[in-house]
């Protein structure tokens, strides 16, 4: 049942209140049938990623639901139109494809895998990869980088 696939992430956030440390839990549901109209443009301009456009004119957009700049984790949604690009992964990332199809090539060994709705895969910080977006793709992701993003 690919249409009912969903990715749920529990994130524990530290909240300081009157000198006490409390944990708050937030649940985020990511599913193929969700409306992701609130995504903002995420251009391929980060020099740390070393983006190279290889085919077409892919356009990326996304939304950060937890973490992000200055934090060690990121949780959110990313969408990209068809095209291909090469980049360096900035953190360890678990990603789940909600819609569309992609082919990922790990340049270190040349291995290639194709992913579609319901598939999840993991990339490591520092890996150089080619993202070949075969059909406009939407993914949910959770990233970790010990020195922060």
N, C-alpha and C. Protein backbone atom coordinates (compact mmCIF):
# COMPACT_ATOMS: atom_id res chain seq x y z
N UNK A 1 0.82 -1.18 0.00
CA UNK A 1 0.00 0.00 0.00
C UNK A 1 0.87 1.25 0.00
N UNK A 2 1.38 1.61 -1.14
CA UNK A 2 2.27 2.75 -1.21
C UNK A 2 1.57 4.05 -0.86
N UNK A 3 0.30 4.19 -1.20
CA UNK A 3 -0.42 5.42 -0.92
C UNK A 3 -0.59 5.71 0.55
N UNK A 4 -0.53 4.68 1.38
CA UNK A 4 -0.71 4.90 2.81
C UNK A 4 0.61 4.94 3.58
N UNK A 5 1.72 4.89 2.85
CA UNK A 5 3.03 4.95 3.49
C UNK A 5 3.18 6.26 4.25
N UNK A 6 3.72 6.19 5.43
CA UNK A 6 4.03 7.43 6.15
C UNK A 6 5.27 7.25 6.98
N UNK A 7 5.90 8.36 7.25
CA UNK A 7 7.15 8.40 8.02
C UNK A 7 6.85 9.24 9.25
N UNK A 8 7.06 8.69 10.42
CA UNK A 8 6.78 9.41 11.65
C UNK A 8 8.08 9.60 12.40
N UNK A 9 8.31 10.79 12.89
CA UNK A 9 9.53 11.06 13.65
C UNK A 9 9.16 11.65 15.00
N UNK A 10 9.72 11.10 16.03
CA UNK A 10 9.58 11.67 17.37
C UNK A 10 10.84 12.45 17.65
N UNK A 11 10.67 13.67 18.05
CA UNK A 11 11.81 14.52 18.35
C UNK A 11 11.68 14.98 19.78
N UNK A 12 12.72 14.78 20.56
CA UNK A 12 12.70 15.26 21.94
C UNK A 12 13.45 16.58 22.00
N UNK A 13 12.77 17.61 22.44
CA UNK A 13 13.38 18.93 22.53
C UNK A 13 13.55 19.30 23.99
N UNK A 14 14.71 19.82 24.31
CA UNK A 14 14.93 20.29 25.67
C UNK A 14 14.31 21.67 25.85
N UNK A 15 13.55 21.83 26.89
CA UNK A 15 12.92 23.11 27.19
C UNK A 15 13.30 23.50 28.61
N UNK A 16 13.89 24.67 28.79
CA UNK A 16 14.28 25.13 30.12
C UNK A 16 13.13 25.94 30.72
N UNK A 17 12.74 25.56 31.92
CA UNK A 17 11.66 26.26 32.62
C UNK A 17 12.04 26.37 34.08
N UNK A 18 12.23 27.57 34.56
CA UNK A 18 12.58 27.82 35.96
C UNK A 18 13.80 27.00 36.39
N UNK A 19 14.78 26.89 35.52
CA UNK A 19 16.00 26.18 35.86
C UNK A 19 15.89 24.67 35.76
N UNK A 20 14.71 24.16 35.43
CA UNK A 20 14.53 22.71 35.31
C UNK A 20 14.59 22.32 33.84
N UNK A 21 15.02 21.11 33.57
CA UNK A 21 15.10 20.62 32.20
C UNK A 21 13.94 19.67 31.97
N UNK A 22 13.11 19.97 30.98
CA UNK A 22 11.98 19.12 30.64
C UNK A 22 12.14 18.63 29.21
N UNK A 23 11.53 17.50 28.90
CA UNK A 23 11.51 17.01 27.53
C UNK A 23 10.10 17.18 26.98
N UNK A 24 10.02 17.66 25.77
CA UNK A 24 8.76 17.84 25.07
C UNK A 24 8.78 16.90 23.88
N UNK A 25 7.68 16.26 23.57
CA UNK A 25 7.62 15.36 22.41
C UNK A 25 6.74 15.97 21.34
N UNK A 26 7.23 15.90 20.12
CA UNK A 26 6.48 16.36 18.96
C UNK A 26 6.44 15.23 17.95
N UNK A 27 5.29 15.02 17.35
CA UNK A 27 5.18 14.00 16.31
C UNK A 27 4.93 14.70 14.99
N UNK A 28 5.62 14.26 13.95
CA UNK A 28 5.42 14.77 12.61
C UNK A 28 5.08 13.61 11.70
N UNK A 29 3.97 13.71 11.00
CA UNK A 29 3.55 12.67 10.06
C UNK A 29 3.89 13.15 8.66
N UNK A 30 4.50 12.27 7.86
CA UNK A 30 4.84 12.56 6.48
C UNK A 30 4.24 11.46 5.61
N UNK A 31 3.37 11.84 4.69
CA UNK A 31 2.69 10.85 3.85
C UNK A 31 2.54 11.38 2.43
N UNK A 32 2.43 10.46 1.50
CA UNK A 32 2.31 10.82 0.08
C UNK A 32 1.08 11.67 -0.19
N UNK A 33 0.02 11.48 0.59
CA UNK A 33 -1.23 12.21 0.34
C UNK A 33 -1.30 13.56 1.05
N UNK A 34 -0.21 13.97 1.70
CA UNK A 34 -0.19 15.25 2.40
C UNK A 34 0.01 16.41 1.44
N UNK A 35 -0.48 17.58 1.84
CA UNK A 35 -0.30 18.80 1.08
C UNK A 35 0.95 19.50 1.60
N UNK A 36 1.95 19.65 0.74
CA UNK A 36 3.20 20.31 1.12
C UNK A 36 3.36 21.64 0.38
N UNK A 37 2.30 22.43 0.31
CA UNK A 37 2.33 23.70 -0.42
C UNK A 37 3.14 24.78 0.28
N UNK A 38 3.50 24.60 1.53
CA UNK A 38 4.20 25.64 2.27
C UNK A 38 5.72 25.53 2.18
N UNK A 39 6.23 24.87 1.15
CA UNK A 39 7.67 24.71 1.00
C UNK A 39 8.27 25.99 0.44
N UNK A 40 9.50 26.29 0.88
CA UNK A 40 10.20 27.47 0.36
C UNK A 40 11.33 27.03 -0.56
N UNK A 41 11.73 27.91 -1.47
CA UNK A 41 12.82 27.60 -2.41
C UNK A 41 14.11 27.31 -1.65
N UNK A 42 14.78 26.23 -2.04
CA UNK A 42 16.09 25.89 -1.51
C UNK A 42 17.05 25.77 -2.70
N UNK A 43 17.63 26.89 -3.14
CA UNK A 43 18.49 26.85 -4.34
C UNK A 43 19.77 26.05 -4.09
N UNK A 44 20.35 25.58 -5.18
CA UNK A 44 21.59 24.78 -5.13
C UNK A 44 22.79 25.72 -5.05
N UNK A 45 22.92 26.44 -3.93
CA UNK A 45 23.97 27.45 -3.82
C UNK A 45 24.92 27.25 -2.65
N UNK A 46 24.68 26.29 -1.77
CA UNK A 46 25.53 26.10 -0.60
C UNK A 46 26.92 25.64 -1.03
N UNK A 47 27.95 26.47 -0.81
CA UNK A 47 29.30 26.09 -1.26
C UNK A 47 29.84 24.84 -0.57
N UNK A 48 29.38 24.53 0.66
CA UNK A 48 29.84 23.32 1.35
C UNK A 48 29.40 22.06 0.61
N UNK A 49 28.26 22.12 -0.06
CA UNK A 49 27.75 20.96 -0.79
C UNK A 49 28.42 20.78 -2.15
N UNK A 50 28.99 21.84 -2.68
CA UNK A 50 29.68 21.75 -3.98
C UNK A 50 28.78 21.27 -5.10
N UNK A 51 27.58 21.83 -5.20
CA UNK A 51 26.61 21.39 -6.21
C UNK A 51 27.13 21.57 -7.63
N UNK A 52 26.86 20.58 -8.49
CA UNK A 52 27.09 20.66 -9.93
C UNK A 52 25.83 20.16 -10.61
N UNK A 53 25.18 21.00 -11.39
CA UNK A 53 24.01 20.57 -12.14
C UNK A 53 24.50 19.77 -13.35
N UNK A 54 23.99 18.55 -13.51
CA UNK A 54 24.45 17.64 -14.56
C UNK A 54 23.44 17.49 -15.69
N UNK A 55 22.14 17.67 -15.38
CA UNK A 55 21.09 17.49 -16.39
C UNK A 55 19.89 18.33 -16.02
N UNK A 56 19.32 19.01 -17.01
CA UNK A 56 18.09 19.76 -16.81
C UNK A 56 18.28 20.98 -15.93
N UNK A 57 17.18 21.42 -15.34
CA UNK A 57 17.17 22.57 -14.44
C UNK A 57 16.40 22.21 -13.17
N UNK A 58 16.95 21.30 -12.37
CA UNK A 58 16.22 20.89 -11.16
C UNK A 58 16.01 22.07 -10.22
N UNK A 59 14.85 22.12 -9.60
CA UNK A 59 14.51 23.16 -8.62
C UNK A 59 14.13 22.46 -7.32
N UNK A 60 14.79 22.83 -6.23
CA UNK A 60 14.54 22.22 -4.93
C UNK A 60 13.77 23.18 -4.03
N UNK A 61 12.96 22.61 -3.17
CA UNK A 61 12.24 23.39 -2.15
C UNK A 61 12.13 22.50 -0.92
N UNK A 62 11.84 23.10 0.21
CA UNK A 62 11.76 22.30 1.42
C UNK A 62 11.17 23.05 2.59
N UNK A 63 11.09 22.33 3.69
CA UNK A 63 10.58 22.88 4.94
C UNK A 63 11.29 22.16 6.08
N UNK A 64 11.82 22.95 7.01
CA UNK A 64 12.46 22.40 8.19
C UNK A 64 11.43 22.37 9.31
N UNK A 65 11.12 21.19 9.82
CA UNK A 65 10.12 21.06 10.89
C UNK A 65 10.74 21.05 12.28
N UNK A 66 11.97 20.62 12.39
CA UNK A 66 12.70 20.61 13.66
C UNK A 66 14.17 20.82 13.35
N UNK A 67 14.91 21.38 14.30
CA UNK A 67 16.35 21.56 14.13
C UNK A 67 16.67 22.57 13.05
N UNK A 68 17.85 22.41 12.44
CA UNK A 68 18.26 23.30 11.37
C UNK A 68 19.54 24.04 11.72
N UNK A 69 19.66 25.27 11.23
CA UNK A 69 20.88 26.06 11.41
C UNK A 69 21.25 26.17 12.88
N UNK A 70 22.51 25.84 13.19
CA UNK A 70 23.00 25.90 14.55
C UNK A 70 22.64 24.70 15.42
N UNK A 71 21.88 23.76 14.89
CA UNK A 71 21.46 22.55 15.61
C UNK A 71 22.19 21.34 15.05
N UNK A 72 22.23 20.24 15.79
CA UNK A 72 22.90 19.03 15.31
C UNK A 72 21.97 18.13 14.49
N UNK A 73 20.67 18.41 14.50
CA UNK A 73 19.72 17.61 13.73
C UNK A 73 18.86 18.50 12.85
N UNK A 74 18.31 17.89 11.82
CA UNK A 74 17.34 18.52 10.94
C UNK A 74 16.28 17.48 10.61
N UNK A 75 15.03 17.91 10.60
CA UNK A 75 13.91 17.05 10.25
C UNK A 75 12.99 17.86 9.36
N UNK A 76 12.60 17.29 8.23
CA UNK A 76 11.71 18.05 7.36
C UNK A 76 11.35 17.33 6.08
N UNK A 77 10.95 18.16 5.11
CA UNK A 77 10.49 17.70 3.81
C UNK A 77 11.31 18.40 2.73
N UNK A 78 11.66 17.67 1.69
CA UNK A 78 12.41 18.21 0.56
C UNK A 78 11.73 17.75 -0.71
N UNK A 79 11.61 18.66 -1.66
CA UNK A 79 11.02 18.34 -2.96
C UNK A 79 11.97 18.84 -4.04
N UNK A 80 12.04 18.10 -5.15
CA UNK A 80 12.89 18.52 -6.27
C UNK A 80 12.24 18.11 -7.58
N UNK A 81 12.35 18.99 -8.58
CA UNK A 81 11.85 18.69 -9.92
C UNK A 81 12.90 17.85 -10.66
N UNK A 82 12.49 17.29 -11.78
CA UNK A 82 13.35 16.40 -12.57
C UNK A 82 14.63 17.10 -13.00
N UNK A 83 15.70 16.33 -13.02
CA UNK A 83 17.03 16.81 -13.38
C UNK A 83 18.06 16.02 -12.60
N UNK A 84 19.32 16.33 -12.78
CA UNK A 84 20.38 15.61 -12.06
C UNK A 84 21.42 16.59 -11.56
N UNK A 85 21.94 16.28 -10.37
CA UNK A 85 23.00 17.11 -9.79
C UNK A 85 23.91 16.25 -8.93
N UNK A 86 25.11 16.74 -8.74
CA UNK A 86 26.11 16.09 -7.90
C UNK A 86 26.32 16.97 -6.68
N UNK A 87 26.52 16.36 -5.52
CA UNK A 87 26.76 17.14 -4.30
C UNK A 87 27.47 16.29 -3.24
N UNK A 88 27.94 16.97 -2.21
CA UNK A 88 28.53 16.32 -1.05
C UNK A 88 27.51 16.38 0.08
N UNK A 89 27.22 15.24 0.69
CA UNK A 89 26.26 15.19 1.79
C UNK A 89 26.85 15.88 3.02
N UNK A 90 26.09 16.78 3.64
CA UNK A 90 26.58 17.56 4.78
C UNK A 90 26.41 16.88 6.13
N UNK A 91 25.59 15.85 6.19
CA UNK A 91 25.37 15.13 7.44
C UNK A 91 24.93 13.71 7.16
N UNK A 92 24.85 12.90 8.20
CA UNK A 92 24.27 11.56 8.07
C UNK A 92 22.77 11.74 7.95
N UNK A 93 22.16 11.10 6.95
CA UNK A 93 20.74 11.36 6.69
C UNK A 93 19.97 10.10 6.34
N UNK A 94 18.85 9.92 7.04
CA UNK A 94 17.87 8.89 6.70
C UNK A 94 16.76 9.60 5.94
N UNK A 95 16.42 9.09 4.78
CA UNK A 95 15.40 9.73 3.95
C UNK A 95 14.42 8.70 3.43
N UNK A 96 13.18 9.11 3.34
CA UNK A 96 12.11 8.24 2.85
C UNK A 96 11.39 8.94 1.71
N UNK A 97 11.28 8.24 0.59
CA UNK A 97 10.63 8.81 -0.58
C UNK A 97 9.12 8.70 -0.41
N UNK A 98 8.45 9.84 -0.54
CA UNK A 98 6.98 9.88 -0.44
C UNK A 98 6.34 9.81 -1.82
N UNK A 99 6.87 10.57 -2.77
CA UNK A 99 6.36 10.56 -4.15
C UNK A 99 7.54 10.69 -5.11
N UNK A 100 7.36 10.21 -6.34
CA UNK A 100 8.36 10.36 -7.37
C UNK A 100 9.40 9.25 -7.38
N UNK A 101 10.41 9.42 -8.23
CA UNK A 101 11.47 8.42 -8.37
C UNK A 101 12.81 9.12 -8.53
N UNK A 102 13.83 8.54 -7.90
CA UNK A 102 15.19 9.05 -8.03
C UNK A 102 16.16 7.89 -8.20
N UNK A 103 17.30 8.21 -8.79
CA UNK A 103 18.42 7.26 -8.86
C UNK A 103 19.59 7.96 -8.18
N UNK A 104 20.17 7.29 -7.19
CA UNK A 104 21.31 7.85 -6.46
C UNK A 104 22.55 7.04 -6.80
N UNK A 105 23.62 7.75 -7.15
CA UNK A 105 24.91 7.11 -7.43
C UNK A 105 25.90 7.58 -6.38
N UNK A 106 26.52 6.63 -5.67
CA UNK A 106 27.57 6.93 -4.69
C UNK A 106 28.88 6.91 -5.47
N UNK A 107 29.51 8.08 -5.58
CA UNK A 107 30.69 8.21 -6.44
C UNK A 107 31.91 7.46 -5.93
N UNK A 108 32.03 7.21 -4.65
CA UNK A 108 33.19 6.51 -4.10
C UNK A 108 33.35 5.12 -4.71
N UNK A 109 32.23 4.41 -4.93
CA UNK A 109 32.34 3.06 -5.49
C UNK A 109 31.53 2.86 -6.77
N UNK A 110 30.81 3.91 -7.21
CA UNK A 110 30.04 3.82 -8.45
C UNK A 110 28.73 3.09 -8.33
N UNK A 111 28.36 2.65 -7.12
CA UNK A 111 27.10 1.91 -6.98
C UNK A 111 25.91 2.86 -7.19
N UNK A 112 24.84 2.30 -7.75
CA UNK A 112 23.65 3.07 -8.07
C UNK A 112 22.42 2.32 -7.57
N UNK A 113 21.48 3.06 -7.00
CA UNK A 113 20.21 2.48 -6.55
C UNK A 113 19.09 3.41 -6.99
N UNK A 114 17.95 2.83 -7.36
CA UNK A 114 16.77 3.61 -7.70
C UNK A 114 15.75 3.47 -6.57
N UNK A 115 15.11 4.60 -6.22
CA UNK A 115 14.17 4.63 -5.11
C UNK A 115 12.87 5.27 -5.54
N UNK A 116 11.76 4.75 -4.97
CA UNK A 116 10.43 5.30 -5.24
C UNK A 116 9.61 5.33 -3.96
N UNK A 117 8.32 5.63 -4.08
CA UNK A 117 7.46 5.77 -2.91
C UNK A 117 7.54 4.57 -1.96
N UNK A 118 7.77 4.87 -0.69
CA UNK A 118 7.87 3.83 0.33
C UNK A 118 9.29 3.37 0.60
N UNK A 119 10.23 3.74 -0.25
CA UNK A 119 11.63 3.35 -0.06
C UNK A 119 12.34 4.34 0.87
N UNK A 120 13.23 3.80 1.69
CA UNK A 120 14.08 4.61 2.57
C UNK A 120 15.53 4.23 2.32
N UNK A 121 16.41 5.21 2.49
CA UNK A 121 17.84 4.95 2.34
C UNK A 121 18.61 5.93 3.20
N UNK A 122 19.90 5.64 3.35
CA UNK A 122 20.76 6.38 4.27
C UNK A 122 21.99 6.86 3.51
N UNK A 123 22.35 8.13 3.73
CA UNK A 123 23.61 8.65 3.19
C UNK A 123 24.45 9.16 4.35
N UNK A 124 25.77 9.10 4.18
CA UNK A 124 26.70 9.51 5.23
C UNK A 124 27.30 10.87 4.92
N UNK A 125 27.60 11.58 5.99
CA UNK A 125 28.28 12.87 5.88
C UNK A 125 29.56 12.70 5.06
N UNK A 126 29.78 13.61 4.12
CA UNK A 126 30.99 13.61 3.31
C UNK A 126 30.90 12.80 2.03
N UNK A 127 29.87 11.96 1.88
CA UNK A 127 29.75 11.18 0.65
C UNK A 127 29.44 12.11 -0.52
N UNK A 128 30.11 11.87 -1.63
CA UNK A 128 29.81 12.59 -2.87
C UNK A 128 28.85 11.71 -3.66
N UNK A 129 27.69 12.27 -4.03
CA UNK A 129 26.64 11.50 -4.69
C UNK A 129 26.08 12.27 -5.88
N UNK A 130 25.47 11.52 -6.79
CA UNK A 130 24.68 12.10 -7.87
C UNK A 130 23.23 11.77 -7.59
N UNK A 131 22.42 12.81 -7.57
CA UNK A 131 20.97 12.67 -7.45
C UNK A 131 20.39 12.85 -8.85
N UNK A 132 19.86 11.78 -9.41
CA UNK A 132 19.20 11.85 -10.71
C UNK A 132 17.70 11.74 -10.44
N UNK A 133 17.04 12.89 -10.47
CA UNK A 133 15.60 12.94 -10.17
C UNK A 133 14.86 12.58 -11.45
N UNK A 134 14.34 11.36 -11.51
CA UNK A 134 13.69 10.83 -12.70
C UNK A 134 12.27 11.36 -12.85
N UNK A 135 11.58 11.52 -11.72
CA UNK A 135 10.24 12.11 -11.64
C UNK A 135 10.27 13.05 -10.45
N UNK A 136 9.59 14.18 -10.54
CA UNK A 136 9.55 15.10 -9.40
C UNK A 136 9.40 14.28 -8.12
N UNK A 137 10.23 14.58 -7.13
CA UNK A 137 10.31 13.74 -5.94
C UNK A 137 10.05 14.57 -4.68
N UNK A 138 9.41 13.93 -3.71
CA UNK A 138 9.23 14.51 -2.37
C UNK A 138 9.72 13.47 -1.38
N UNK A 139 10.55 13.92 -0.43
CA UNK A 139 11.07 13.00 0.58
C UNK A 139 10.95 13.63 1.96
N UNK A 140 10.84 12.79 2.97
CA UNK A 140 10.97 13.20 4.37
C UNK A 140 12.37 12.81 4.79
N UNK A 141 13.00 13.63 5.62
CA UNK A 141 14.38 13.34 5.99
C UNK A 141 14.65 13.67 7.45
N UNK A 142 15.62 12.95 8.01
CA UNK A 142 16.17 13.23 9.33
C UNK A 142 17.68 13.20 9.18
N UNK A 143 18.35 14.32 9.52
CA UNK A 143 19.80 14.42 9.36
C UNK A 143 20.46 14.70 10.70
N UNK A 144 21.69 14.21 10.82
CA UNK A 144 22.51 14.45 12.01
C UNK A 144 23.90 14.88 11.58
N UNK A 145 24.44 15.90 12.27
CA UNK A 145 25.82 16.35 12.03
C UNK A 145 26.36 16.80 13.37
N UNK A 146 27.36 16.08 13.90
CA UNK A 146 27.82 16.33 15.27
C UNK A 146 28.29 17.76 15.52
N UNK A 147 28.82 18.44 14.51
CA UNK A 147 29.26 19.83 14.72
C UNK A 147 28.15 20.84 14.41
N UNK A 148 26.96 20.37 14.09
CA UNK A 148 25.83 21.25 13.80
C UNK A 148 25.78 21.65 12.35
N UNK A 149 24.62 22.09 11.93
CA UNK A 149 24.39 22.52 10.55
C UNK A 149 24.54 24.02 10.42
